[in-house]
N, C-alpha and C. Protein backbone atom coordinates (compact mmCIF):
# COMPACT_ATOMS: atom_id res chain seq x y z
N MET A 1 -7.86 12.52 12.44
CA MET A 1 -8.55 11.57 11.77
C MET A 1 -10.33 12.82 11.06
N LYS A 2 -10.22 13.78 11.82
CA LYS A 2 -11.36 14.31 12.23
C LYS A 2 -11.69 15.34 10.67
N GLU A 3 -10.09 15.90 10.58
CA GLU A 3 -9.62 16.50 9.16
C GLU A 3 -9.80 15.89 7.83
N PHE A 4 -9.11 14.15 8.03
CA PHE A 4 -9.54 14.06 6.91
C PHE A 4 -10.64 13.40 6.51
N GLN A 5 -11.74 13.32 7.46
CA GLN A 5 -12.81 12.88 7.02
C GLN A 5 -13.68 14.42 6.26
N LYS A 6 -13.33 15.35 7.31
CA LYS A 6 -14.28 16.80 6.75
C LYS A 6 -13.42 16.54 4.87
N LYS A 7 -11.80 16.92 4.74
CA LYS A 7 -11.71 16.70 3.51
C LYS A 7 -12.20 15.47 2.39
N ILE A 8 -12.25 14.37 2.74
CA ILE A 8 -13.11 13.72 2.09
C ILE A 8 -14.88 14.11 1.63
N ASP A 9 -15.23 14.46 2.96
CA ASP A 9 -16.56 14.70 2.64
C ASP A 9 -16.89 16.15 1.82
N ASN A 10 -15.60 17.05 1.84
CA ASN A 10 -15.33 18.06 0.63
C ASN A 10 -15.40 17.76 -1.09
N MET A 11 -14.89 16.76 -0.65
CA MET A 11 -14.16 16.45 -1.70
C MET A 11 -15.23 15.36 -3.27
N PHE A 12 -15.99 14.46 -2.41
CA PHE A 12 -16.82 13.53 -2.49
C PHE A 12 -18.20 13.82 -2.18
N GLY A 13 -18.54 14.43 -1.06
CA GLY A 13 -19.62 14.22 -0.13
C GLY A 13 -20.43 14.70 -1.26
N HIS A 14 -20.78 15.62 -2.35
CA HIS A 14 -21.77 15.97 -3.14
C HIS A 14 -22.51 14.88 -4.16
N ARG A 15 -20.70 13.95 -4.04
CA ARG A 15 -21.65 12.95 -5.42
C ARG A 15 -22.10 11.63 -4.63
N ASP A 16 -21.54 11.76 -3.38
CA ASP A 16 -22.17 10.35 -2.56
C ASP A 16 -23.69 10.31 -1.98
N LYS A 17 -24.40 11.75 -1.72
CA LYS A 17 -25.43 12.18 -1.75
C LYS A 17 -26.43 12.04 -2.42
N LYS A 18 -25.82 11.89 -3.86
CA LYS A 18 -26.57 11.40 -4.81
C LYS A 18 -27.02 10.48 -5.02
N ARG A 19 -26.01 9.31 -4.39
CA ARG A 19 -26.33 8.01 -4.68
C ARG A 19 -27.11 7.51 -2.97
N ASP A 20 -27.45 6.60 -3.52
CA ASP A 20 -28.05 5.77 -2.51
C ASP A 20 -27.34 5.61 -1.38
N PHE A 21 -27.18 4.93 -0.53
CA PHE A 21 -26.24 4.69 0.71
C PHE A 21 -25.70 3.45 0.43
N HIS A 22 -26.89 2.42 -0.35
CA HIS A 22 -26.22 1.24 -0.02
C HIS A 22 -25.36 1.36 -1.35
N LYS A 23 -25.27 2.19 -2.41
CA LYS A 23 -24.94 2.10 -3.75
C LYS A 23 -23.48 2.60 -3.02
N ASN A 24 -23.58 3.44 -2.40
CA ASN A 24 -21.97 3.86 -1.55
C ASN A 24 -21.30 2.37 -0.90
N PHE A 25 -22.37 1.95 -0.34
CA PHE A 25 -21.65 1.27 1.09
C PHE A 25 -21.23 -0.64 -0.35
N ALA A 26 -22.03 -0.52 -1.58
CA ALA A 26 -21.44 -1.52 -2.62
C ALA A 26 -20.20 -0.94 -2.82
N TRP A 27 -19.69 0.06 -3.36
CA TRP A 27 -18.43 0.95 -3.97
C TRP A 27 -17.33 0.48 -2.41
N PHE A 28 -17.23 0.44 -1.52
CA PHE A 28 -16.70 0.41 -0.28
C PHE A 28 -16.56 -0.96 -0.53
N VAL A 29 -17.90 -1.78 -0.41
CA VAL A 29 -17.21 -3.52 -0.09
C VAL A 29 -15.97 -4.32 -1.49
N GLU A 30 -16.74 -3.14 -2.43
CA GLU A 30 -15.78 -3.32 -3.73
C GLU A 30 -14.11 -3.13 -3.69
N GLU A 31 -14.56 -2.10 -3.17
CA GLU A 31 -12.56 -1.41 -2.75
C GLU A 31 -11.86 -2.90 -2.00
N VAL A 32 -13.06 -2.85 -1.08
CA VAL A 32 -12.26 -3.76 0.24
C VAL A 32 -11.68 -5.59 -0.58
N GLY A 33 -12.78 -5.62 -1.98
CA GLY A 33 -12.41 -6.89 -2.72
C GLY A 33 -10.82 -6.57 -3.36
N GLU A 34 -11.01 -5.29 -3.92
CA GLU A 34 -9.23 -5.19 -4.56
C GLU A 34 -8.45 -5.23 -3.99
N LEU A 35 -8.05 -4.82 -2.37
CA LEU A 35 -7.45 -4.67 -1.78
C LEU A 35 -7.34 -6.20 -1.08
N SER A 36 -8.46 -7.17 -1.10
CA SER A 36 -7.59 -8.22 -0.88
C SER A 36 -7.35 -8.82 -2.05
N LYS A 37 -7.44 -9.11 -2.99
CA LYS A 37 -7.27 -9.37 -4.09
C LYS A 37 -5.30 -8.74 -4.01
N ALA A 38 -4.91 -7.15 -3.88
CA ALA A 38 -3.65 -6.82 -3.92
C ALA A 38 -3.18 -7.70 -2.89
N ILE A 39 -3.73 -7.84 -1.52
CA ILE A 39 -2.63 -8.59 -0.41
C ILE A 39 -2.26 -9.79 -1.21
N ARG A 40 -3.88 -10.54 -1.77
CA ARG A 40 -3.54 -12.31 -1.97
C ARG A 40 -2.37 -12.19 -3.56
N ILE A 41 -2.16 -11.34 -4.02
CA ILE A 41 -1.17 -11.59 -4.80
C ILE A 41 0.17 -10.56 -4.85
N ASP A 42 0.22 -10.34 -3.79
CA ASP A 42 1.38 -9.51 -3.21
C ASP A 42 1.85 -8.58 -4.10
N ASN A 43 1.04 -7.64 -4.22
CA ASN A 43 1.16 -6.27 -5.16
C ASN A 43 1.27 -4.99 -4.21
N ARG A 44 2.84 -4.81 -3.57
CA ARG A 44 2.02 -4.22 -2.23
C ARG A 44 2.38 -2.44 -2.97
N GLU A 45 2.47 -2.14 -4.15
CA GLU A 45 2.25 -0.84 -4.76
C GLU A 45 0.58 -0.70 -4.50
N ASN A 46 0.23 -2.06 -5.54
CA ASN A 46 -1.34 -1.62 -5.31
C ASN A 46 -1.81 -2.15 -3.99
N GLU A 47 -1.62 -2.80 -2.72
CA GLU A 47 -2.20 -2.45 -1.73
C GLU A 47 -1.87 -1.03 -1.09
N LYS A 48 -1.37 -0.01 -1.15
CA LYS A 48 -1.15 0.89 -0.69
C LYS A 48 -2.20 1.72 -1.17
N GLU A 49 -2.36 1.74 -2.84
CA GLU A 49 -3.42 2.61 -2.98
C GLU A 49 -4.80 1.85 -2.78
N GLU A 50 -5.03 0.78 -2.49
CA GLU A 50 -6.40 0.38 -2.43
C GLU A 50 -6.37 0.19 -1.10
N PHE A 51 -5.49 0.45 0.00
CA PHE A 51 -5.76 0.70 1.49
C PHE A 51 -6.52 2.06 1.40
N ALA A 52 -5.81 3.11 0.56
CA ALA A 52 -5.67 4.23 0.58
C ALA A 52 -7.59 4.65 0.10
N ASP A 53 -8.15 4.02 -0.61
CA ASP A 53 -9.38 3.98 -1.24
C ASP A 53 -10.41 3.33 -0.13
N VAL A 54 -9.90 1.99 0.33
CA VAL A 54 -10.65 1.65 1.25
C VAL A 54 -11.14 2.45 2.68
N LEU A 55 -9.77 3.36 3.20
CA LEU A 55 -9.79 4.54 4.20
C LEU A 55 -11.04 5.35 3.68
N ALA A 56 -10.92 5.79 2.54
CA ALA A 56 -12.09 7.31 2.22
C ALA A 56 -13.41 6.69 1.66
N TRP A 57 -13.28 5.45 1.49
CA TRP A 57 -14.85 5.03 1.08
C TRP A 57 -15.62 5.08 2.42
N LEU A 58 -14.73 4.37 3.85
CA LEU A 58 -14.86 4.27 5.17
C LEU A 58 -15.71 5.68 5.81
N PHE A 59 -14.51 6.45 5.52
CA PHE A 59 -15.00 8.14 5.85
C PHE A 59 -16.34 8.23 5.22
N SER A 60 -16.50 8.16 3.45
CA SER A 60 -17.71 8.37 3.13
C SER A 60 -18.68 8.22 3.52
N LEU A 61 -18.63 6.82 4.49
CA LEU A 61 -20.22 6.21 4.74
C LEU A 61 -20.31 6.69 5.86
N ALA A 62 -19.23 7.26 6.92
CA ALA A 62 -19.92 7.87 8.24
C ALA A 62 -20.07 8.83 8.09
N ASN A 63 -19.77 9.90 6.95
CA ASN A 63 -20.20 10.99 6.27
C ASN A 63 -21.75 11.30 6.39
N ALA A 64 -21.94 9.82 4.89
CA ALA A 64 -23.38 9.84 4.83
C ALA A 64 -24.33 9.03 6.19
N ARG A 65 -23.60 8.67 6.96
CA ARG A 65 -24.38 8.32 8.35
C ARG A 65 -24.01 9.99 9.43
N ASN A 66 -23.79 10.65 9.54
CA ASN A 66 -23.05 11.53 10.30
C ASN A 66 -22.62 10.96 11.82
N ILE A 67 -21.22 10.40 11.24
CA ILE A 67 -20.41 9.42 12.39
C ILE A 67 -19.61 10.66 12.87
N ASP A 68 -18.87 10.56 13.38
CA ASP A 68 -17.48 11.78 13.64
C ASP A 68 -16.53 10.08 13.80
N LEU A 69 -15.96 9.52 12.38
CA LEU A 69 -15.10 8.36 13.45
C LEU A 69 -13.89 8.59 14.12
N GLU A 70 -13.30 9.79 14.19
CA GLU A 70 -12.43 10.11 15.47
C GLU A 70 -13.29 9.91 16.74
N GLU A 71 -14.37 10.46 16.97
CA GLU A 71 -15.04 10.70 18.50
C GLU A 71 -15.56 8.88 19.01
N VAL A 72 -15.82 8.18 17.45
CA VAL A 72 -16.32 6.92 17.85
C VAL A 72 -15.12 5.80 18.60
N PHE A 73 -14.69 6.34 17.45
CA PHE A 73 -12.73 5.70 17.75
C PHE A 73 -12.32 5.38 19.01
N LEU A 74 -12.19 6.94 19.43
CA LEU A 74 -11.80 7.36 20.56
C LEU A 74 -12.25 6.59 21.93
N GLN A 75 -14.15 6.86 21.89
CA GLN A 75 -14.27 6.28 23.10
C GLN A 75 -14.22 4.82 22.57
N LYS A 76 -13.88 3.92 22.02
CA LYS A 76 -14.36 2.78 22.20
C LYS A 76 -12.68 2.47 22.18
N TYR A 77 -11.84 2.83 21.82
CA TYR A 77 -10.28 2.19 21.67
C TYR A 77 -8.62 3.64 21.86
N HIS A 78 -9.67 4.00 23.32
CA HIS A 78 -9.14 5.40 23.32
C HIS A 78 -7.82 4.76 23.93
N LYS A 79 -8.16 3.76 25.41
CA LYS A 79 -6.79 3.27 26.13
C LYS A 79 -6.52 1.70 26.52
N PHE A 80 -8.05 1.24 26.17
CA PHE A 80 -7.84 0.00 26.15
C PHE A 80 -8.73 -1.22 25.20
N CYS A 81 -7.95 -2.02 25.61
CA CYS A 81 -8.56 -3.13 24.52
C CYS A 81 -10.58 -3.36 24.61
N SER A 82 -11.23 -3.16 24.07
CA SER A 82 -12.66 -3.31 24.40
C SER A 82 -13.16 -4.45 24.82
N LYS A 83 -12.75 -5.86 24.05
CA LYS A 83 -12.98 -7.37 25.00
C LYS A 83 -12.18 -7.48 26.40
N CYS A 84 -11.15 -6.91 26.64
CA CYS A 84 -10.38 -7.58 27.66
C CYS A 84 -10.08 -6.25 28.62
N GLY A 85 -10.20 -5.55 28.09
CA GLY A 85 -9.44 -4.08 29.03
C GLY A 85 -8.10 -3.92 29.17
N ASN A 86 -7.64 -4.31 28.86
CA ASN A 86 -5.95 -4.17 28.77
C ASN A 86 -5.23 -3.79 27.95
N ASN A 87 -3.74 -3.34 27.90
CA ASN A 87 -3.12 -2.89 27.02
C ASN A 87 -1.92 -3.28 27.25
N PRO A 88 -1.30 -3.29 26.76
CA PRO A 88 -1.88 -4.32 25.11
C PRO A 88 -2.61 -5.05 25.17
N CYS A 89 -3.48 -5.43 24.44
CA CYS A 89 -4.69 -6.23 24.36
C CYS A 89 -4.03 -8.09 24.56
N LYS A 90 -4.81 -8.86 25.58
CA LYS A 90 -4.40 -10.32 26.21
C LYS A 90 -5.56 -11.14 26.13
N CYS A 91 -6.13 -10.98 24.80
CA CYS A 91 -7.50 -11.87 24.78
C CYS A 91 -6.94 -12.73 23.92
N ILE A 92 -7.38 -13.78 25.01
CA ILE A 92 -6.57 -15.72 24.56
C ILE A 92 -7.40 -15.61 22.78
N LYS A 93 -8.25 -15.81 22.91
CA LYS A 93 -9.18 -16.62 21.79
C LYS A 93 -8.42 -15.69 20.93
N TYR A 94 -8.02 -14.30 20.41
CA TYR A 94 -7.83 -13.81 19.20
C TYR A 94 -6.40 -13.86 18.80
């Protein structure tokens, strides 16, 4: 995850830094909308592309905020569900 986040920063960071963070976030939301549409119409090939786009934009946003996603992900989801404390999750509500 850390390597991919660096790769996205090397590839797109120079452009992302020129835009306001909120504009970058809007691009992310747009990609989530495109993923939603691909899922809704059951376009599996487009789904794959949109999942990749959403992930790339998520890393871009984290880079803009100097957040190491691998580090925070492992802190929160390393061993147990963050809600019920079990693995596998046994949350009844969800």
